[in-house]
């Protein structure tokens, strides 16, 4: 039985971050522990961030994403092309962030199903309003936090190739590699495939 994740505003500090995600996957595959990865990333500035504070803020969430991947998915991130890596990163974000996963499931999947390829501001507004009505913790977040989360949700879709840009709001169906599809089905994670529009 899968435990339900708590809602969190963590994505304000760790959006798509594909480059960073891939670097951590590589270190993980080299056999480093989370503690060793943390030390190496910070001392050697592997992410090439100007500010150590932003690096430290995002790293725990990236580690969490990498830790939900099995060996097969980690090796695919390293060995396959960027597009495949981005889909695996999108999957890992959904798997570690309930608010984003439900956004994909309740807003993006619904749109793709009904062949409505436009994501409007009102869609994001309605989603966050509904969540705040359903959940006390979300209701307590500041307006600035909600605004940032709306932006980050859209930005993740852009970085994953599902949204053309913020202005047009034009959605694209992403092409998911057959190997990823069959693997996610095999490990009983097909709900994430569905949320990506499969």
Protein backbone atom coordinates (compact mmCIF):
# COMPACT_ATOMS: atom_id res chain seq x y z
CA UNK A 1 0.00 0.00 0.00
CA UNK A 2 1.46 3.29 -1.13
CA UNK A 3 1.41 6.03 1.49
CA UNK A 4 -0.05 9.28 0.24
CA UNK A 5 2.39 12.13 0.08
CA UNK A 6 1.65 15.32 1.96
CA UNK A 7 1.04 18.45 -0.07
CA UNK A 8 4.14 20.62 -0.20
CA UNK A 9 5.24 23.88 -1.79
CA UNK A 10 8.74 22.42 -2.31
CA UNK A 11 8.67 22.97 -6.06
CA UNK A 12 9.19 26.69 -5.50
CA UNK A 13 12.82 25.80 -4.74
CA UNK A 14 13.35 22.93 -7.18
CA UNK A 15 11.65 23.13 -10.55
CA UNK A 16 12.56 20.83 -13.47
CA UNK A 17 16.34 21.08 -12.95
CA UNK A 18 17.16 18.41 -15.53
CA UNK A 19 20.89 19.10 -15.68
CA UNK A 20 21.17 18.80 -11.89
CA UNK A 21 18.96 15.71 -11.85
CA UNK A 22 21.18 13.96 -14.40
CA UNK A 23 24.38 14.84 -12.47
CA UNK A 24 22.93 13.30 -9.30
CA UNK A 25 21.84 10.17 -11.22
CA UNK A 26 25.43 9.80 -12.48
CA UNK A 27 26.84 10.12 -8.94
CA UNK A 28 24.26 7.65 -7.63
CA UNK A 29 25.25 5.14 -10.32
CA UNK A 30 28.88 5.56 -9.25
CA UNK A 31 27.79 4.16 -5.88
CA UNK A 32 27.88 7.36 -3.83
CA UNK A 33 25.54 7.69 -0.83
CA UNK A 34 23.21 10.67 -0.46
CA UNK A 35 25.59 12.17 2.09
CA UNK A 36 28.57 11.79 -0.27
CA UNK A 37 26.57 13.22 -3.17
CA UNK A 38 25.56 16.22 -1.04
CA UNK A 39 29.17 16.88 -0.04
CA UNK A 40 30.52 16.47 -3.59
CA UNK A 41 27.83 18.66 -5.18
CA UNK A 42 28.45 21.46 -2.68
CA UNK A 43 32.27 21.34 -2.48
CA UNK A 44 32.83 20.90 -6.21
CA UNK A 45 29.81 23.02 -7.26
CA UNK A 46 28.83 20.30 -9.74
CA UNK A 47 25.59 22.13 -10.60
CA UNK A 48 27.59 25.28 -11.45
CA UNK A 49 25.20 27.50 -9.48
CA UNK A 50 26.35 30.98 -8.57
CA UNK A 51 24.59 30.82 -5.21
CA UNK A 52 25.33 27.98 -2.83
CA UNK A 53 22.01 28.73 -1.06
CA UNK A 54 19.91 27.88 -4.15
CA UNK A 55 21.99 24.76 -4.67
CA UNK A 56 21.44 23.65 -1.07
CA UNK A 57 17.71 24.38 -1.31
CA UNK A 58 17.13 22.32 -4.46
CA UNK A 59 19.42 19.38 -3.73
CA UNK A 60 17.23 17.46 -1.21
CA UNK A 61 14.35 17.41 -3.70
CA UNK A 62 16.58 16.25 -6.54
CA UNK A 63 17.97 13.48 -4.33
CA UNK A 64 14.41 12.45 -3.49
CA UNK A 65 13.58 12.25 -7.20
CA UNK A 66 16.67 10.20 -7.98
CA UNK A 67 15.95 7.87 -5.06
CA UNK A 68 12.52 6.90 -6.43
CA UNK A 69 14.12 5.63 -9.64
CA UNK A 70 15.12 2.01 -9.97
CA UNK A 71 18.37 0.93 -11.60
CA UNK A 72 16.77 0.55 -15.04
CA UNK A 73 15.41 4.12 -15.08
CA UNK A 74 18.68 5.55 -13.72
CA UNK A 75 20.70 3.83 -16.45
CA UNK A 76 18.23 5.11 -19.07
CA UNK A 77 18.76 8.69 -17.84
CA UNK A 78 22.52 8.25 -18.37
CA UNK A 79 22.58 6.16 -21.54
CA UNK A 80 19.59 7.38 -23.55
CA UNK A 81 18.97 10.78 -25.12
CA UNK A 82 17.88 13.96 -23.36
CA UNK A 83 14.21 13.52 -24.32
CA UNK A 84 14.02 10.18 -22.52
CA UNK A 85 15.84 11.64 -19.51
CA UNK A 86 13.37 14.51 -19.36
CA UNK A 87 10.39 12.13 -19.35
CA UNK A 88 11.97 10.15 -16.50
CA UNK A 89 12.58 13.41 -14.60
CA UNK A 90 8.93 14.41 -15.15
CA UNK A 91 7.85 11.00 -13.83
CA UNK A 92 10.14 11.43 -10.77
CA UNK A 93 8.68 14.90 -10.05
CA UNK A 94 5.14 13.46 -10.15
CA UNK A 95 6.16 10.52 -7.98
CA UNK A 96 7.64 12.79 -5.30
CA UNK A 97 5.24 15.75 -5.46
CA UNK A 98 1.56 15.09 -4.87
CA UNK A 99 0.40 18.59 -5.84
CA UNK A 100 2.15 18.42 -9.21
CA UNK A 101 1.00 14.85 -9.88
CA UNK A 102 -2.62 15.78 -9.19
CA UNK A 103 -2.23 18.83 -11.45
CA UNK A 104 -1.04 16.53 -14.24
CA UNK A 105 -3.86 14.08 -13.54
CA UNK A 106 -6.71 16.55 -13.03
CA UNK A 107 -5.78 19.33 -15.46
CA UNK A 108 -3.31 18.19 -18.13
CA UNK A 109 -4.62 14.64 -18.64
CA UNK A 110 -8.21 15.93 -18.79
CA UNK A 111 -7.25 18.51 -21.42
CA UNK A 112 -5.37 16.02 -23.57
CA UNK A 113 -8.24 13.54 -23.29
CA UNK A 114 -10.74 16.10 -24.55
CA UNK A 115 -8.32 17.34 -27.27
CA UNK A 116 -8.15 20.77 -25.66
CA UNK A 117 -4.56 21.83 -26.25
CA UNK A 118 -4.63 25.19 -24.49
CA UNK A 119 -3.61 25.68 -20.86
CA UNK A 120 -5.06 28.96 -19.65
CA UNK A 121 -4.30 31.02 -16.56
CA UNK A 122 -7.81 30.25 -15.31
CA UNK A 123 -7.03 26.50 -15.40
CA UNK A 124 -4.16 27.04 -12.95
CA UNK A 125 -6.24 29.45 -10.85
CA UNK A 126 -9.15 27.00 -10.62
CA UNK A 127 -6.85 24.10 -9.76
CA UNK A 128 -5.12 25.93 -6.89
CA UNK A 129 -8.42 27.39 -5.61
CA UNK A 130 -9.97 23.91 -5.54
CA UNK A 131 -6.95 22.46 -3.73
CA UNK A 132 -7.00 25.25 -1.13
CA UNK A 133 -10.69 24.51 -0.50
CA UNK A 134 -9.91 20.80 -0.02
CA UNK A 135 -6.78 21.16 2.09
CA UNK A 136 -6.01 23.33 5.14
CA UNK A 137 -2.28 23.26 4.57
CA UNK A 138 -2.61 24.64 1.00
CA UNK A 139 -5.18 27.17 2.22
CA UNK A 140 -2.55 28.53 4.63
CA UNK A 141 0.05 29.24 1.91
CA UNK A 142 0.69 32.86 1.03
CA UNK A 143 -0.46 34.39 -2.24
CA UNK A 144 3.20 34.75 -3.25
CA UNK A 145 3.79 31.00 -2.74
CA UNK A 146 0.73 30.10 -4.82
CA UNK A 147 1.80 32.52 -7.56
CA UNK A 148 5.28 31.00 -7.64
CA UNK A 149 3.86 27.46 -7.74
CA UNK A 150 1.61 28.33 -10.69
CA UNK A 151 4.67 29.65 -12.50
CA UNK A 152 6.78 26.59 -11.60
CA UNK A 153 4.06 24.13 -12.69
CA UNK A 154 3.95 25.84 -16.10
CA UNK A 155 7.74 26.02 -16.31
CA UNK A 156 8.08 22.27 -15.63
CA UNK A 157 5.68 21.59 -18.51
CA UNK A 158 7.76 23.84 -20.79
CA UNK A 159 11.02 22.15 -19.79
CA UNK A 160 9.45 18.71 -20.30
CA UNK A 161 8.26 19.70 -23.77
CA UNK A 162 4.54 19.57 -22.93
CA UNK A 163 3.89 23.32 -23.07
CA UNK A 164 5.11 25.54 -25.90
CA UNK A 165 5.35 28.71 -23.79
CA UNK A 166 3.51 30.61 -21.07
CA UNK A 167 2.04 33.14 -23.49
CA UNK A 168 0.31 30.83 -25.97
CA UNK A 169 -0.47 28.12 -23.40
CA UNK A 170 -0.24 25.62 -26.24
CA UNK A 171 0.04 22.03 -25.02
CA UNK A 172 1.84 19.22 -26.86
CA UNK A 173 1.54 15.50 -26.43
CA UNK A 174 4.94 14.10 -25.58
CA UNK A 175 6.15 10.95 -27.25
CA UNK A 176 7.01 8.41 -24.60
CA UNK A 177 9.56 5.77 -25.52
CA UNK A 178 8.14 2.21 -25.59
CA UNK A 179 10.82 1.00 -23.19
CA UNK A 180 9.78 3.57 -20.55
CA UNK A 181 6.10 2.71 -21.12
CA UNK A 182 6.56 -1.02 -20.67
CA UNK A 183 8.85 -0.53 -17.66
CA UNK A 184 6.44 1.80 -15.84
CA UNK A 185 3.58 -0.62 -16.52
CA UNK A 186 5.72 -3.49 -15.23
CA UNK A 187 6.50 -1.67 -11.95
CA UNK A 188 2.80 -0.74 -11.52
CA UNK A 189 3.32 2.98 -12.17
CA UNK A 190 1.07 3.29 -15.22
CA UNK A 191 -0.95 6.07 -13.49
CA UNK A 192 2.04 8.37 -14.14
CA UNK A 193 2.03 7.43 -17.82
CA UNK A 194 -1.65 8.24 -17.96
CA UNK A 195 -1.06 11.62 -16.30
CA UNK A 196 1.46 12.41 -19.07
CA UNK A 197 -1.30 11.83 -21.59
CA UNK A 198 -0.74 8.22 -22.57
